[in-house]
Protein backbone atom coordinates (compact mmCIF):
# COMPACT_ATOMS: atom_id res chain seq x y z
CA MET A 1 0.00 0.00 0.00
CA PRO A 2 2.77 2.54 0.74
CA GLU A 3 4.23 1.89 -2.73
CA ARG A 4 0.90 2.72 -4.39
CA ALA A 5 0.64 5.91 -2.34
CA GLU A 6 4.18 6.84 -3.27
CA ARG A 7 3.49 6.20 -6.98
CA ALA A 8 0.28 8.19 -6.78
CA ALA A 9 2.11 11.10 -5.16
CA GLU A 10 4.78 10.97 -7.86
CA ARG A 11 2.09 10.86 -10.52
CA PHE A 12 0.36 13.90 -8.97
CA VAL A 13 3.65 15.81 -9.03
CA GLU A 14 4.12 14.90 -12.70
CA MET A 15 0.57 15.94 -13.50
CA ARG A 16 1.02 19.28 -11.75
CA ALA A 17 4.26 19.92 -13.66
CA THR A 18 2.60 18.98 -16.94
CA ALA A 19 -0.38 21.18 -16.18
CA ALA A 20 1.89 24.09 -15.30
CA ARG A 21 3.86 23.66 -18.54
CA HIS A 22 0.66 23.36 -20.56
CA GLY A 23 -0.83 26.39 -18.88
CA HIS A 24 2.31 28.37 -19.56
CA SER A 25 2.30 27.39 -23.23
CA MET A 26 -1.35 28.45 -23.48
CA ASP A 27 -0.42 31.83 -22.00
CA LYS A 28 2.43 32.17 -24.49
CA ARG A 29 0.14 31.26 -27.40
CA ASP A 30 -2.45 33.74 -26.18
CA ARG A 31 0.22 36.43 -25.91
CA ASP A 32 1.42 35.61 -29.44
CA ASP A 33 -2.16 35.76 -30.77
CA VAL A 34 -2.72 39.12 -29.10
CA GLY A 35 0.58 40.37 -30.52
CA ARG A 36 -0.40 39.31 -34.04
CA ALA A 37 -3.85 40.88 -33.67
CA THR A 38 -2.31 44.11 -32.38
CA HIS A 39 0.11 44.18 -35.33
CA ARG A 40 -2.73 43.66 -37.83
CA ALA A 41 -4.81 46.34 -36.11
CA GLY A 42 -1.89 48.74 -36.53
CA GLU A 43 -1.67 47.89 -40.24
CA PHE A 44 -5.40 48.47 -40.64
CA ARG A 45 -5.10 51.82 -38.85
CA LYS A 46 -2.44 52.84 -41.39
CA TYR A 47 -4.69 51.75 -44.28
CA ALA A 48 -7.62 53.68 -42.81
CA ALA A 49 -5.48 56.80 -42.39
CA GLY A 50 -4.36 56.48 -46.01
CA HIS A 51 -7.94 56.15 -47.21
CA ARG A 52 -9.03 59.15 -45.15
CA ALA A 53 -6.18 61.21 -46.63
CA GLN A 54 -7.13 60.09 -50.14
CA ALA A 55 -10.78 61.05 -49.52
CA ALA A 56 -9.68 64.47 -48.23
CA ASP A 57 -7.55 64.95 -51.36
CA ALA A 58 -10.52 64.01 -53.54
CA ARG A 59 -12.73 66.55 -51.76
CA THR A 60 -10.07 69.24 -52.20
CA GLU A 61 -9.71 68.39 -55.88
CA LYS A 62 -13.48 68.58 -56.35
CA THR A 63 -13.55 72.02 -54.74
CA LEU A 64 -10.65 73.23 -56.89
CA ARG A 65 -12.29 71.90 -60.05
CA ALA A 66 -15.49 73.77 -59.19
CA THR A 67 -13.49 76.97 -58.66
CA ILE A 68 -11.64 76.51 -61.96
CA ALA A 69 -14.93 75.78 -63.75
CA GLN A 70 -16.33 79.09 -62.48
CA LYS A 71 -13.28 81.25 -63.15
CA PHE A 72 -11.92 79.60 -66.30
CA PRO A 73 -14.75 77.74 -68.10
CA GLN A 74 -12.80 77.19 -71.37
CA LEU A 75 -9.85 75.70 -69.52
CA HIS A 76 -12.20 73.49 -67.51
CA ASP A 77 -14.00 72.24 -70.64
CA ARG A 78 -10.71 71.50 -72.41
CA GLU A 79 -9.37 69.63 -69.37
CA MET A 80 -12.58 67.59 -69.04
CA THR A 81 -12.48 66.66 -72.75
CA GLU A 82 -8.88 65.51 -72.46
CA ARG A 83 -9.63 63.59 -69.25
CA ARG A 84 -12.52 61.74 -70.95
CA ALA A 85 -10.28 60.86 -73.91
CA VAL A 86 -7.61 59.43 -71.59
CA GLN A 87 -10.20 57.43 -69.62
CA GLN A 88 -11.72 56.02 -72.82
CA GLU A 89 -8.27 55.01 -74.08
CA GLN A 90 -7.49 53.29 -70.78
CA ALA A 91 -10.83 51.45 -70.88
CA ARG A 92 -10.13 50.35 -74.48
CA GLN A 93 -6.70 49.02 -73.49
CA VAL A 94 -8.15 47.12 -70.53
CA ALA A 95 -10.83 45.59 -72.78
CA GLN A 96 -8.19 44.52 -75.33
CA HIS A 97 -6.05 43.03 -72.58
CA GLN A 98 -9.01 41.08 -71.19
CA GLN A 99 -9.92 39.78 -74.66
CA ALA A 100 -6.33 38.69 -75.25
CA ALA A 101 -6.33 36.83 -71.94
CA VAL A 102 -9.47 34.89 -72.94
CA VAL A 103 -8.09 33.61 -76.26
CA PRO A 104 -7.10 29.95 -75.82
CA PRO A 105 -3.42 29.19 -76.44
CA GLN A 106 -2.54 27.67 -79.79
CA PRO A 107 -1.13 24.14 -79.76
CA MET A 108 2.62 24.21 -80.14
CA GLN A 109 4.38 22.16 -82.75
CA SER A 110 7.27 20.16 -81.37
CA ARG A 111 10.65 20.75 -82.92
CA GLY A 112 11.92 18.25 -85.41
CA ARG A 113 8.50 16.90 -86.34
CA SER A 114 6.26 18.10 -89.05
CA VAL A 115 2.50 18.20 -88.83
CA LYS A 116 0.83 16.39 -91.74
């Protein structure tokens, strides 16, 4: 009976040590997860700040365009015409690129053999 009690006591000590190690590793994993989440949150804050700055620039540009349209209507009309032309050209190039990507590849002829 004393041997069983001794083995049980040893087993309890082992279990406590294992539980402590496991608990510590869970804490470390939790800390790592929080660190990763904090890092990602920081990245998203930077993205949000960039988007806010871009929106502010767009509002400023809109205001300036309205001012130019009032003070210099011919310049504004010419700029708008040129802008539309550039946008249409870009759209045409994108459409051509997309069409080229859809065309199936042609079978290649191996070297040294002729196709009959």
